[in-house]
């Protein structure tokens, strides 16, 4: 009889564990399907592409030269810019992608010739939101936003973005990233392109939270990984 109860107990445990794992897997799948895509440069419209092809290479080259000549000057971060973070939560062994975003982005950039020589971007962390208010409140506390409400990035080395005159410039930029009062030198993967009279810049910065004195939450059944990335999509106008 005792052996029978032991077998029943083991089966019950396996059923509970299986139910928890299955439930976590379903939850993770649903949450991952809702996670926004990575911020990316806009795609030129089909009509614009067709017009460009029809006008011929001479006109295209002339336009490219004009765009390159118009790059120099002072630029401001304009409406439509976004920034945020992307991390993974681990829930009962299942990875869940969490994305927070805000349009509270300000800043400026200086271009001399075709070199990006100065950039400063400030992100209002208090406005970063996900699809979960409880998670957002915890985020504000972890990043000490009551004391340090903004994160900033400042370029420290010039970057050649001449390639925007013929398409998309893909470059690496070095600068100082400040989060929660701690500043670290980081390398940003950047893409930039002209969009009419404006410049569009997409960037991604891999970060490890402990480098900035930030402890990733660990509630036992759910844990946030210590590494993630900061994403931004900037619309620049003169």
Foldseek 3Di string as FASTA:
>chain_A
DVVVVVVVVVVVVVVVLVVQVVVVQVVQVVQQVPDDDADDDDDDDPVVVVVVVVVDDVVLLVQLVVVLVLPADKKWFDFPKKKWWWWWKQFQNHTHIWIWMDRQKTWMWGADRQKTAKIKMKHQLLGIDTPDPVVSVVVCVQQVCVVVRIKMWIFDGIDGQSCQSNPKRWDKTWTWIATSRDIDIWIKTKIWHDDVQKIKMKIKTKDFQVNNVGDWDDPPSMTIHRIIMMIIITIIHD
